[in-house]
């Protein structure tokens, strides 16, 4: 395994096909589940009969043919304990989304146990709507004896309710793989409470905080009573770690637009406590990449997996921005490497194909103005490229090119429609990206649109409409647009529709 690896794809398939036994010292996972925390949603029964329905609820799993196959496999092919567990769940829950979720999670936790070292630790992050079910799964897969802690993470943000107690915590289960091997543990002292620091602030010297005690055991003495009959007892500047953490949501500088993004300080505490420099860390639901980012900062080796190309692209840019890690410095696996792979991705999932292409041309996904949602694949404006156009005093003026991505049959009328979209959106240009070779009438229509210039480069003409194939992009061809393209994922992620970033299997992080 390479020190830094980012996988695109279904984490169950990747774990089974590409990760050897006993590979990781620490696993952290924050699987997607029921973002709106509504039992009315998670207990919907029946098969989901269309991909559109699945897209609408893509932050959790659903009782579908795949879920049923996974359930049947667990019942028939794993162990008596797992079979009994799944049949008991089925009897209690029936066939609904939560049953599908537990089936899919059980299959993945079995694989995660396999790839964890005998001395390794696993932290499973979940919210209270799923924690009681997942605790039973963890007890069955990892063993009740290997349960170490139920950690409560408390925070200020999220729900404010006037009808019940506001929900201000998540649950993190801490398990080890084996009771026979000593797992790594480093006690990370927690800072003294603010009130304690304030109370002790008068009693501090070069050695730290202290209290004054009488030598004869008579208790505490005021500091002004120090003398031959007293001594200074130094107080630790922290307290042993407790099974509840307080860490508010991600700081503004960290925020990437993910509603369930976890703060770096939370991952720092876990990684420092349960791993050493050079150890291997895995996050199979790595979302926006908080685990890889913190692991990188703390000099650990890491592997992240996500099923969304949008998330993978975001993590790539996060690593470049925070650590100046370029593409060649980490291994990216699962995305197309040739035109054949690009066609397979389009056939499998047009949405993921679209997001992958948009990153190729430095575009960000577009939003629908009417509903505030991402437009569907092959409809409307798929992405926007922003560039510097002019400057008025200290204020920049920006230009834009709108992008359409096509994977199937293409015609001249689509170029004519793009010309109309450019005019309607008051954009400087339009870009048409296609898997197929453009026809001569399409090329003629694009040429007919003419050219544009910008004040910075008034003598340089750029095509108003340009067509580029996926093969040309993969061979290194660049668009003819003004230099100085603007692409800041840390700001632009705020405009993504986060339900599209989520997935039916690999969801949000931290």
Protein backbone atom coordinates (compact mmCIF):
# COMPACT_ATOMS: atom_id res chain seq x y z
CA UNK A 1 0.00 0.00 0.00
CA UNK A 2 1.20 3.49 -0.78
CA UNK A 3 1.54 5.95 2.11
CA UNK A 4 -1.19 8.27 0.88
CA UNK A 5 -3.99 6.65 -1.07
CA UNK A 6 -7.41 7.97 -2.00
CA UNK A 7 -9.86 5.43 -3.43
CA UNK A 8 -12.96 6.27 -5.43
CA UNK A 9 -15.61 3.58 -5.28
CA UNK A 10 -17.75 1.36 -3.07
CA UNK A 11 -15.78 0.79 0.12
CA UNK A 12 -17.02 -2.80 0.47
CA UNK A 13 -15.63 -3.73 -2.94
CA UNK A 14 -12.37 -1.87 -2.31
CA UNK A 15 -11.87 -3.50 1.10
CA UNK A 16 -12.48 -6.96 -0.34
CA UNK A 17 -10.45 -6.54 -3.51
CA UNK A 18 -7.57 -4.23 -2.62
CA UNK A 19 -6.86 -4.17 1.12
CA UNK A 20 -4.87 -7.05 2.68
CA UNK A 21 -5.46 -8.50 6.14
CA UNK A 22 -4.16 -6.73 9.25
CA UNK A 23 -3.16 -3.51 7.48
CA UNK A 24 -4.28 -0.71 9.81
CA UNK A 25 -3.43 0.49 13.29
CA UNK A 26 -6.48 2.73 13.55
CA UNK A 27 -9.80 2.93 11.72
CA UNK A 28 -12.21 5.84 12.08
CA UNK A 29 -15.55 5.84 10.30
CA UNK A 30 -18.49 8.20 10.27
CA UNK A 31 -20.99 6.39 8.02
CA UNK A 32 -23.93 8.38 6.66
CA UNK A 33 -27.23 7.78 8.36
CA UNK A 34 -30.46 9.71 8.48
CA UNK A 35 -29.22 13.28 8.47
CA UNK A 36 -32.62 14.68 9.47
CA UNK A 37 -32.89 12.17 12.34
CA UNK A 38 -36.49 11.32 11.62
CA UNK A 39 -37.74 7.87 12.52
CA UNK A 40 -40.60 8.44 10.07
CA UNK A 41 -37.98 8.47 7.32
CA UNK A 42 -35.77 5.58 8.34
CA UNK A 43 -38.65 3.18 8.92
CA UNK A 44 -40.18 3.58 5.45
CA UNK A 45 -40.95 0.10 4.17
CA UNK A 46 -40.79 -1.49 0.74
CA UNK A 47 -38.44 -1.51 -2.21
CA UNK A 48 -37.22 1.73 -3.70
CA UNK A 49 -38.39 1.42 -7.29
CA UNK A 50 -36.38 4.09 -9.08
CA UNK A 51 -32.90 5.67 -9.00
CA UNK A 52 -34.58 9.06 -8.55
CA UNK A 53 -35.97 7.94 -5.21
CA UNK A 54 -32.56 6.76 -4.13
CA UNK A 55 -30.99 10.08 -5.15
CA UNK A 56 -33.59 11.90 -3.06
CA UNK A 57 -32.52 10.04 0.08
CA UNK A 58 -28.91 9.43 -0.72
CA UNK A 59 -27.52 9.97 2.77
CA UNK A 60 -28.68 6.53 3.94
CA UNK A 61 -29.20 3.05 2.55
CA UNK A 62 -32.50 1.65 1.36
CA UNK A 63 -34.20 -1.73 1.34
CA UNK A 64 -33.47 -2.69 -2.25
CA UNK A 65 -32.38 -5.77 -4.14
CA UNK A 66 -28.75 -5.09 -3.20
CA UNK A 67 -29.66 -4.75 0.47
CA UNK A 68 -31.62 -8.01 0.34
CA UNK A 69 -28.69 -9.82 -1.30
CA UNK A 70 -26.37 -8.54 1.42
CA UNK A 71 -28.81 -9.62 4.12
CA UNK A 72 -29.13 -13.10 2.61
CA UNK A 73 -25.34 -13.42 2.35
CA UNK A 74 -24.89 -12.51 6.03
CA UNK A 75 -27.55 -14.99 7.09
CA UNK A 76 -26.20 -17.91 5.04
CA UNK A 77 -22.45 -17.47 4.60
CA UNK A 78 -20.69 -15.79 7.53
CA UNK A 79 -21.21 -17.26 11.01
CA UNK A 80 -23.95 -18.49 13.30
CA UNK A 81 -23.63 -15.36 15.45
CA UNK A 82 -24.03 -13.02 12.48
CA UNK A 83 -26.91 -15.09 11.09
CA UNK A 84 -28.74 -14.98 14.43
CA UNK A 85 -28.16 -11.24 14.68
CA UNK A 86 -29.55 -10.44 11.24
CA UNK A 87 -32.59 -12.69 11.67
CA UNK A 88 -33.32 -11.06 15.03
CA UNK A 89 -33.07 -7.60 13.46
CA UNK A 90 -35.39 -8.71 10.65
CA UNK A 91 -37.96 -9.98 13.14
CA UNK A 92 -37.88 -6.73 15.10
CA UNK A 93 -37.53 -4.20 12.27
CA UNK A 94 -38.98 -5.79 9.16
CA UNK A 95 -37.82 -4.74 5.70
CA UNK A 96 -37.11 -1.03 5.69
CA UNK A 97 -34.27 1.46 5.38
CA UNK A 98 -32.84 0.86 8.85
CA UNK A 99 -32.71 -2.89 8.15
CA UNK A 100 -30.88 -2.18 4.91
CA UNK A 101 -28.50 0.13 6.73
CA UNK A 102 -27.68 -2.48 9.36
CA UNK A 103 -27.16 -5.17 6.71
CA UNK A 104 -24.80 -2.99 4.69
CA UNK A 105 -22.94 -1.80 7.79
CA UNK A 106 -22.52 -5.31 9.18
CA UNK A 107 -20.95 -6.47 5.91
CA UNK A 108 -18.52 -3.55 6.02
CA UNK A 109 -17.64 -3.94 9.70
CA UNK A 110 -16.73 -7.58 9.07
CA UNK A 111 -14.25 -6.42 6.42
CA UNK A 112 -12.96 -3.62 8.65
CA UNK A 113 -12.20 -6.14 11.38
CA UNK A 114 -10.26 -8.21 8.85
CA UNK A 115 -8.05 -5.29 7.75
CA UNK A 116 -7.42 -4.07 11.32
CA UNK A 117 -4.18 -5.19 12.97
CA UNK A 118 -4.43 -7.43 16.04
CA UNK A 119 -3.17 -4.46 18.10
CA UNK A 120 -5.46 -2.02 16.29
CA UNK A 121 -8.39 0.17 17.38
CA UNK A 122 -11.59 1.20 15.64
CA UNK A 123 -13.79 4.23 16.34
CA UNK A 124 -17.33 4.18 14.94
CA UNK A 125 -19.04 7.59 14.93
CA UNK A 126 -22.84 7.70 14.80
CA UNK A 127 -25.78 9.69 16.09
CA UNK A 128 -28.30 8.52 18.71
CA UNK A 129 -30.85 7.38 16.11
CA UNK A 130 -28.52 4.54 15.09
CA UNK A 131 -26.16 4.01 18.02
CA UNK A 132 -28.21 1.39 19.89
CA UNK A 133 -28.39 -0.84 16.79
CA UNK A 134 -24.75 -0.36 15.85
CA UNK A 135 -23.58 -1.18 19.38
CA UNK A 136 -25.14 -4.64 19.03
CA UNK A 137 -23.50 -5.08 15.62
CA UNK A 138 -20.11 -4.04 17.01
CA UNK A 139 -20.48 -6.41 19.98
CA UNK A 140 -21.23 -9.26 17.58
CA UNK A 141 -18.50 -8.50 15.02
CA UNK A 142 -15.67 -7.37 17.34
CA UNK A 143 -16.76 -9.11 20.53
CA UNK A 144 -18.20 -7.70 23.73
CA UNK A 145 -14.85 -8.13 25.50
CA UNK A 146 -13.19 -5.77 23.02
CA UNK A 147 -15.52 -2.88 23.78
CA UNK A 148 -13.45 -0.12 25.41
CA UNK A 149 -15.62 3.00 25.62
CA UNK A 150 -18.78 4.69 24.52
CA UNK A 151 -17.62 8.25 23.95
CA UNK A 152 -20.05 11.14 23.89
CA UNK A 153 -19.06 14.05 21.68
CA UNK A 154 -20.85 17.23 22.74
CA UNK A 155 -21.05 20.46 20.76
CA UNK A 156 -22.90 23.78 20.66
CA UNK A 157 -24.30 23.75 17.15
CA UNK A 158 -27.09 21.86 15.38
CA UNK A 159 -30.61 21.39 16.59
CA UNK A 160 -32.40 23.92 18.78
CA UNK A 161 -35.71 22.55 20.00
CA UNK A 162 -38.44 24.13 22.12
CA UNK A 163 -40.53 20.94 22.22
CA UNK A 164 -37.94 18.56 23.69
CA UNK A 165 -34.33 18.52 24.87
CA UNK A 166 -32.09 19.92 22.12
CA UNK A 167 -29.84 17.31 20.55
CA UNK A 168 -26.27 18.30 21.24
CA UNK A 169 -24.22 15.11 21.11
CA UNK A 170 -23.07 12.21 18.97
CA UNK A 171 -21.86 8.75 20.00
CA UNK A 172 -18.46 7.25 19.20
CA UNK A 173 -17.85 3.55 19.93
CA UNK A 174 -14.26 2.61 20.72
CA UNK A 175 -13.36 -1.07 20.19
CA UNK A 176 -10.15 -3.03 19.84
CA UNK A 177 -9.67 -6.09 17.68
CA UNK A 178 -8.37 -8.56 20.23
CA UNK A 179 -8.17 -8.86 24.00
CA UNK A 180 -5.06 -11.04 23.61
CA UNK A 181 -2.86 -8.29 22.19
CA UNK A 182 -1.98 -4.99 23.83
CA UNK A 183 -3.37 -2.09 21.84
CA UNK A 184 -1.65 1.27 21.66
CA UNK A 185 -2.99 3.91 24.02
CA UNK A 186 -1.57 7.31 24.88
CA UNK A 187 -3.24 9.31 27.61
CA UNK A 188 -3.92 12.77 26.20
CA UNK A 189 -4.58 15.11 29.12
CA UNK A 190 -7.51 17.45 28.75
CA UNK A 191 -7.09 21.12 29.68
CA UNK A 192 -8.33 22.26 33.05
CA UNK A 193 -11.80 23.76 33.06
CA UNK A 194 -11.79 27.51 32.49
CA UNK A 195 -13.10 28.11 36.01
CA UNK A 196 -10.23 26.05 37.48
CA UNK A 197 -7.65 27.92 35.41
CA UNK A 198 -9.10 31.21 36.61
CA UNK A 199 -9.10 30.10 40.25
CA UNK A 200 -5.49 28.92 40.03
CA UNK A 201 -4.22 31.84 37.96
CA UNK A 202 -2.82 33.58 41.08
CA UNK A 203 -0.91 30.46 42.04
CA UNK A 204 1.48 29.81 39.20
CA UNK A 205 5.25 29.94 38.92
CA UNK A 206 7.80 28.70 36.39
CA UNK A 207 6.92 25.08 37.28
CA UNK A 208 3.19 25.49 36.76
CA UNK A 209 0.01 25.76 38.86
CA UNK A 210 0.27 25.01 42.60
CA UNK A 211 -1.62 25.02 45.88
CA UNK A 212 -0.10 25.67 49.31
CA UNK A 213 -0.41 22.92 51.92
CA UNK A 214 0.65 22.63 55.57
CA UNK A 215 3.43 20.11 56.16
CA UNK A 216 1.71 18.70 59.22
CA UNK A 217 -1.26 17.59 57.12
CA UNK A 218 -3.47 20.42 58.31
CA UNK A 219 -4.93 21.07 54.86
CA UNK A 220 -4.61 24.01 52.52
CA UNK A 221 -3.02 27.32 53.46
CA UNK A 222 -3.51 30.76 51.87
CA UNK A 223 -0.59 31.67 49.61
CA UNK A 224 0.36 34.56 51.84
CA UNK A 225 0.94 32.03 54.67
CA UNK A 226 3.84 30.34 52.90
CA UNK A 227 6.69 29.59 55.26
CA UNK A 228 8.70 26.85 56.95
CA UNK A 229 5.54 24.94 57.86
CA UNK A 230 4.07 24.90 54.30
CA UNK A 231 5.00 23.59 50.88
CA UNK A 232 3.82 24.02 47.28
CA UNK A 233 1.92 21.12 45.74
CA UNK A 234 1.88 21.38 41.97
CA UNK A 235 -1.32 20.67 40.10
CA UNK A 236 -1.32 19.03 36.63
CA UNK A 237 -2.31 21.47 33.90
CA UNK A 238 -4.70 18.91 32.53
CA UNK A 239 -6.92 16.07 33.67
CA UNK A 240 -7.00 12.45 32.46
CA UNK A 241 -9.19 11.99 29.36
CA UNK A 242 -12.85 11.34 30.05
CA UNK A 243 -15.38 9.43 27.98
CA UNK A 244 -16.99 12.62 26.80
CA UNK A 245 -15.39 15.13 24.47
CA UNK A 246 -16.36 18.72 23.96
CA UNK A 247 -15.43 20.16 20.60
CA UNK A 248 -17.54 22.66 18.75
CA UNK A 249 -18.21 22.23 15.05
CA UNK A 250 -15.51 22.89 12.49
CA UNK A 251 -13.96 26.34 12.62
CA UNK A 252 -14.82 28.70 9.77
CA UNK A 253 -11.38 28.16 8.26
CA UNK A 254 -12.14 24.40 8.07
CA UNK A 255 -15.71 24.51 6.81
CA UNK A 256 -16.31 22.99 3.39
CA UNK A 257 -20.09 23.04 3.16
CA UNK A 258 -20.66 19.54 4.56
CA UNK A 259 -23.51 19.59 7.08
CA UNK A 260 -21.98 16.72 9.08
CA UNK A 261 -18.34 17.77 8.79
CA UNK A 262 -16.42 17.01 11.99
CA UNK A 263 -13.85 19.37 13.51
CA UNK A 264 -10.17 18.59 13.12
CA UNK A 265 -9.63 18.81 16.89
CA UNK A 266 -11.93 15.80 17.36
CA UNK A 267 -9.91 13.66 14.95
CA UNK A 268 -6.66 14.93 16.44
CA UNK A 269 -7.68 13.62 19.85
CA UNK A 270 -8.59 10.19 18.49
CA UNK A 271 -5.52 9.81 16.26
CA UNK A 272 -3.08 10.96 18.96
CA UNK A 273 -4.61 8.65 21.57
CA UNK A 274 -4.69 5.49 19.42
CA UNK A 275 -1.79 5.71 16.98
CA UNK A 276 1.85 6.73 16.67
CA UNK A 277 3.81 8.53 13.98
CA UNK A 278 4.14 6.31 10.94
CA UNK A 279 1.07 4.21 11.78
CA UNK A 280 -1.58 3.38 9.18
CA UNK A 281 -4.98 5.14 9.41
CA UNK A 282 -8.11 4.22 7.41
CA UNK A 283 -11.31 6.19 6.89
CA UNK A 284 -13.68 4.20 4.64
CA UNK A 285 -16.25 7.04 4.50
CA UNK A 286 -13.83 9.93 4.19
CA UNK A 287 -16.20 12.55 2.73
CA UNK A 288 -14.46 15.92 2.67
CA UNK A 289 -11.19 14.46 3.96
CA UNK A 290 -10.82 15.53 7.58
CA UNK A 291 -9.26 12.20 8.59
CA UNK A 292 -6.64 12.22 5.79
CA UNK A 293 -5.89 15.89 6.53
CA UNK A 294 -5.35 15.33 10.25
CA UNK A 295 -3.44 12.09 9.66
CA UNK A 296 -1.15 13.97 7.26
CA UNK A 297 -0.60 16.75 9.79
CA UNK A 298 0.25 14.21 12.52
CA UNK A 299 2.66 12.27 10.24
CA UNK A 300 0.58 9.12 9.87
CA UNK A 301 0.12 7.07 6.73
CA UNK A 302 -3.45 7.07 5.52
CA UNK A 303 -6.02 5.62 3.16
CA UNK A 304 -9.36 7.25 2.45
CA UNK A 305 -12.31 5.83 0.50
CA UNK A 306 -15.38 7.60 -0.88
CA UNK A 307 -17.98 6.76 -3.49
CA UNK A 308 -18.43 10.35 -4.68
CA UNK A 309 -16.13 11.88 -7.31
CA UNK A 310 -17.13 15.28 -5.97
CA UNK A 311 -15.78 14.32 -2.54
CA UNK A 312 -12.61 12.85 -4.04
CA UNK A 313 -11.99 16.04 -6.01
CA UNK A 314 -12.57 18.13 -2.90
CA UNK A 315 -10.07 16.07 -0.89
CA UNK A 316 -7.48 16.41 -3.67
CA UNK A 317 -7.75 20.19 -3.54
CA UNK A 318 -7.79 20.20 0.27
CA UNK A 319 -4.51 18.29 0.37
CA UNK A 320 -2.96 20.61 -2.19
CA UNK A 321 -4.05 23.69 -0.30
CA UNK A 322 -3.21 22.62 3.25
CA UNK A 323 -0.04 20.60 2.62
CA UNK A 324 1.02 21.43 -0.94
CA UNK A 325 0.56 17.76 -1.80
CA UNK A 326 0.36 17.42 -5.57
CA UNK A 327 -1.29 14.63 -7.53
CA UNK A 328 1.91 12.62 -7.87
CA UNK A 329 2.55 12.73 -4.12
CA UNK A 330 -0.45 10.57 -3.34
CA UNK A 331 -2.06 7.61 -5.06
CA UNK A 332 -5.51 8.10 -6.59
CA UNK A 333 -7.30 4.87 -7.43
CA UNK A 334 -10.66 4.12 -9.05
CA UNK A 335 -11.15 7.08 -11.39
CA UNK A 336 -10.89 6.55 -15.17
CA UNK A 337 -7.41 6.37 -16.64
CA UNK A 338 -8.47 6.21 -20.29
CA UNK A 339 -11.46 6.85 -22.54
CA UNK A 340 -12.73 3.31 -22.02
CA UNK A 341 -12.80 3.90 -18.27
CA UNK A 342 -14.56 7.24 -18.82
CA UNK A 343 -17.29 5.53 -20.85
CA UNK A 344 -17.73 2.90 -18.15
CA UNK A 345 -18.12 5.62 -15.50
CA UNK A 346 -20.70 7.43 -17.60
CA UNK A 347 -22.67 4.24 -18.14
CA UNK A 348 -22.51 3.38 -14.45
CA UNK A 349 -23.35 6.82 -13.05
CA UNK A 350 -23.80 9.95 -15.23
CA UNK A 351 -23.75 12.19 -12.14
CA UNK A 352 -20.31 10.96 -11.03
CA UNK A 353 -19.04 11.17 -14.61
CA UNK A 354 -20.20 14.79 -14.73
CA UNK A 355 -18.48 15.75 -11.46
CA UNK A 356 -15.28 14.06 -12.59
CA UNK A 357 -15.24 16.00 -15.88
CA UNK A 358 -16.04 19.32 -14.20
CA UNK A 359 -12.88 19.01 -12.13
CA UNK A 360 -10.91 18.34 -15.32
CA UNK A 361 -11.90 21.75 -16.72
CA UNK A 362 -11.64 23.65 -13.40
CA UNK A 363 -15.40 24.12 -13.16
CA UNK A 364 -17.60 23.97 -10.11
CA UNK A 365 -21.02 22.29 -10.18
CA UNK A 366 -23.87 24.66 -10.99
CA UNK A 367 -26.98 25.28 -8.91
CA UNK A 368 -30.51 25.54 -10.16
CA UNK A 369 -31.70 29.11 -9.56
CA UNK A 370 -35.29 28.05 -9.13
CA UNK A 371 -34.96 25.36 -6.47
CA UNK A 372 -31.43 25.73 -5.19
CA UNK A 373 -30.61 22.17 -6.21
CA UNK A 374 -28.06 20.65 -8.51
CA UNK A 375 -29.32 20.20 -12.04
CA UNK A 376 -29.56 16.63 -13.23
CA UNK A 377 -27.04 15.04 -15.54
CA UNK A 378 -27.30 16.08 -19.19
CA UNK A 379 -29.75 18.94 -18.45
CA UNK A 380 -29.14 22.65 -18.28
CA UNK A 381 -25.89 24.10 -16.99
CA UNK A 382 -23.65 21.49 -15.41
CA UNK A 383 -20.79 23.69 -14.25
CA UNK A 384 -19.30 27.17 -14.19
CA UNK A 385 -15.73 28.26 -14.86
CA UNK A 386 -14.87 31.61 -13.29
CA UNK A 387 -11.95 33.81 -14.34
CA UNK A 388 -10.59 37.29 -13.74
CA UNK A 389 -12.06 39.70 -16.24
CA UNK A 390 -11.20 43.24 -15.11
CA UNK A 391 -10.51 45.36 -12.06
CA UNK A 392 -12.30 48.46 -10.84
CA UNK A 393 -10.16 50.10 -8.19
CA UNK A 394 -9.49 47.40 -5.63
CA UNK A 395 -12.49 45.32 -6.69
CA UNK A 396 -12.16 42.43 -9.08
CA UNK A 397 -14.68 41.88 -11.85
CA UNK A 398 -15.17 38.28 -12.85
CA UNK A 399 -16.17 36.56 -16.06
CA UNK A 400 -17.64 33.11 -16.48
CA UNK A 401 -17.94 30.25 -18.92
CA UNK A 402 -20.81 27.80 -18.53
CA UNK A 403 -20.12 24.10 -19.03
CA UNK A 404 -22.25 21.28 -20.38
CA UNK A 405 -21.10 17.66 -20.11
CA UNK A 406 -22.45 15.01 -22.47
CA UNK A 407 -21.81 11.29 -22.43
CA UNK A 408 -24.31 10.03 -24.99
CA UNK A 409 -25.48 10.96 -28.47
CA UNK A 410 -24.72 14.55 -29.49
CA UNK A 411 -26.20 16.85 -32.18
CA UNK A 412 -25.81 20.34 -33.64
CA UNK A 413 -28.96 21.48 -31.82
CA UNK A 414 -27.19 21.03 -28.49
CA UNK A 415 -24.54 23.55 -29.52
CA UNK A 416 -27.26 25.96 -30.62
CA UNK A 417 -28.93 25.50 -27.23
CA UNK A 418 -25.61 26.19 -25.46
CA UNK A 419 -25.29 29.45 -27.41
CA UNK A 420 -28.70 30.44 -26.13
CA UNK A 421 -27.73 29.51 -22.55
CA UNK A 422 -24.62 31.69 -22.79
CA UNK A 423 -26.70 34.69 -23.85
CA UNK A 424 -29.38 34.07 -21.22
CA UNK A 425 -26.82 33.70 -18.40
CA UNK A 426 -24.83 36.72 -19.63
CA UNK A 427 -21.73 34.54 -19.70
CA UNK A 428 -18.63 35.23 -21.75
CA UNK A 429 -18.38 31.70 -23.14
CA UNK A 430 -19.73 28.18 -23.26
CA UNK A 431 -17.82 24.90 -23.05
CA UNK A 432 -19.22 21.64 -24.45
CA UNK A 433 -17.45 18.49 -23.18
CA UNK A 434 -18.32 15.24 -24.96
CA UNK A 435 -17.37 11.58 -24.94
CA UNK A 436 -18.24 11.34 -28.63
CA UNK A 437 -16.48 12.98 -31.57
CA UNK A 438 -18.28 16.20 -32.58
CA UNK A 439 -19.84 16.33 -36.05
CA UNK A 440 -18.95 18.93 -38.68
CA UNK A 441 -22.31 20.74 -38.24
CA UNK A 442 -21.59 21.00 -34.49
CA UNK A 443 -18.15 22.47 -35.14
CA UNK A 444 -19.63 24.92 -37.67
CA UNK A 445 -22.28 26.02 -35.15
CA UNK A 446 -19.57 26.66 -32.56
CA UNK A 447 -17.46 28.68 -34.98
CA UNK A 448 -20.53 30.71 -35.96
CA UNK A 449 -20.83 31.91 -32.35
CA UNK A 450 -17.73 34.05 -32.77
CA UNK A 451 -15.17 35.14 -30.18
CA UNK A 452 -14.88 37.30 -27.06
CA UNK A 453 -12.18 39.41 -25.42
CA UNK A 454 -11.63 40.78 -21.91
CA UNK A 455 -10.03 44.08 -20.85
CA UNK A 456 -6.91 42.40 -19.48
CA UNK A 457 -6.10 40.77 -22.80
CA UNK A 458 -7.99 42.94 -25.26
CA UNK A 459 -5.87 41.71 -28.18
CA UNK A 460 -6.46 38.04 -27.43
CA UNK A 461 -9.59 36.44 -28.83
CA UNK A 462 -11.22 33.45 -27.18
CA UNK A 463 -13.89 31.22 -28.73
CA UNK A 464 -17.40 32.08 -27.62
CA UNK A 465 -18.30 28.40 -27.87
CA UNK A 466 -15.75 25.62 -27.79
CA UNK A 467 -16.09 21.87 -28.00
CA UNK A 468 -13.60 19.53 -26.39
CA UNK A 469 -13.68 15.75 -26.16
CA UNK A 470 -12.93 13.70 -23.05
CA UNK A 471 -10.09 12.02 -24.92
CA UNK A 472 -8.52 15.42 -25.64
CA UNK A 473 -8.81 16.41 -21.98
CA UNK A 474 -7.20 13.17 -20.85
CA UNK A 475 -4.38 13.75 -23.34
CA UNK A 476 -3.67 17.14 -21.79
CA UNK A 477 -5.46 19.55 -24.10
CA UNK A 478 -6.46 22.79 -22.39
CA UNK A 479 -9.45 25.05 -22.93
CA UNK A 480 -8.93 28.40 -24.63
CA UNK A 481 -9.93 30.70 -21.79
CA UNK A 482 -8.30 33.64 -20.00
CA UNK A 483 -5.57 32.69 -17.55
CA UNK A 484 -6.22 33.17 -13.86
CA UNK A 485 -9.06 30.69 -13.42
CA UNK A 486 -10.66 30.87 -10.00
CA UNK A 487 -11.29 27.60 -8.27
CA UNK A 488 -11.33 27.59 -4.47
CA UNK A 489 -12.99 24.40 -3.28
CA UNK A 490 -12.93 25.66 0.29
CA UNK A 491 -15.32 28.46 -0.65
CA UNK A 492 -17.10 26.89 -3.57
CA UNK A 493 -18.02 23.76 -1.64
CA UNK A 494 -20.52 25.96 0.17
CA UNK A 495 -22.53 26.17 -3.06
CA UNK A 496 -22.60 22.43 -3.70
CA UNK A 497 -25.83 20.61 -3.04
CA UNK A 498 -24.57 18.45 -0.19
CA UNK A 499 -27.17 15.76 -0.88
CA UNK A 500 -25.34 15.15 -4.14
CA UNK A 501 -22.02 14.98 -2.31
CA UNK A 502 -23.49 12.35 -0.02
CA UNK A 503 -23.90 8.90 -1.37
CA UNK A 504 -25.97 5.82 -0.81
CA UNK A 505 -22.91 4.10 0.65
CA UNK A 506 -19.98 6.41 1.35
CA UNK A 507 -21.03 9.56 3.00
CA UNK A 508 -19.94 12.68 4.77
CA UNK A 509 -16.62 13.24 7.32
CA UNK A 510 -15.29 15.38 8.75
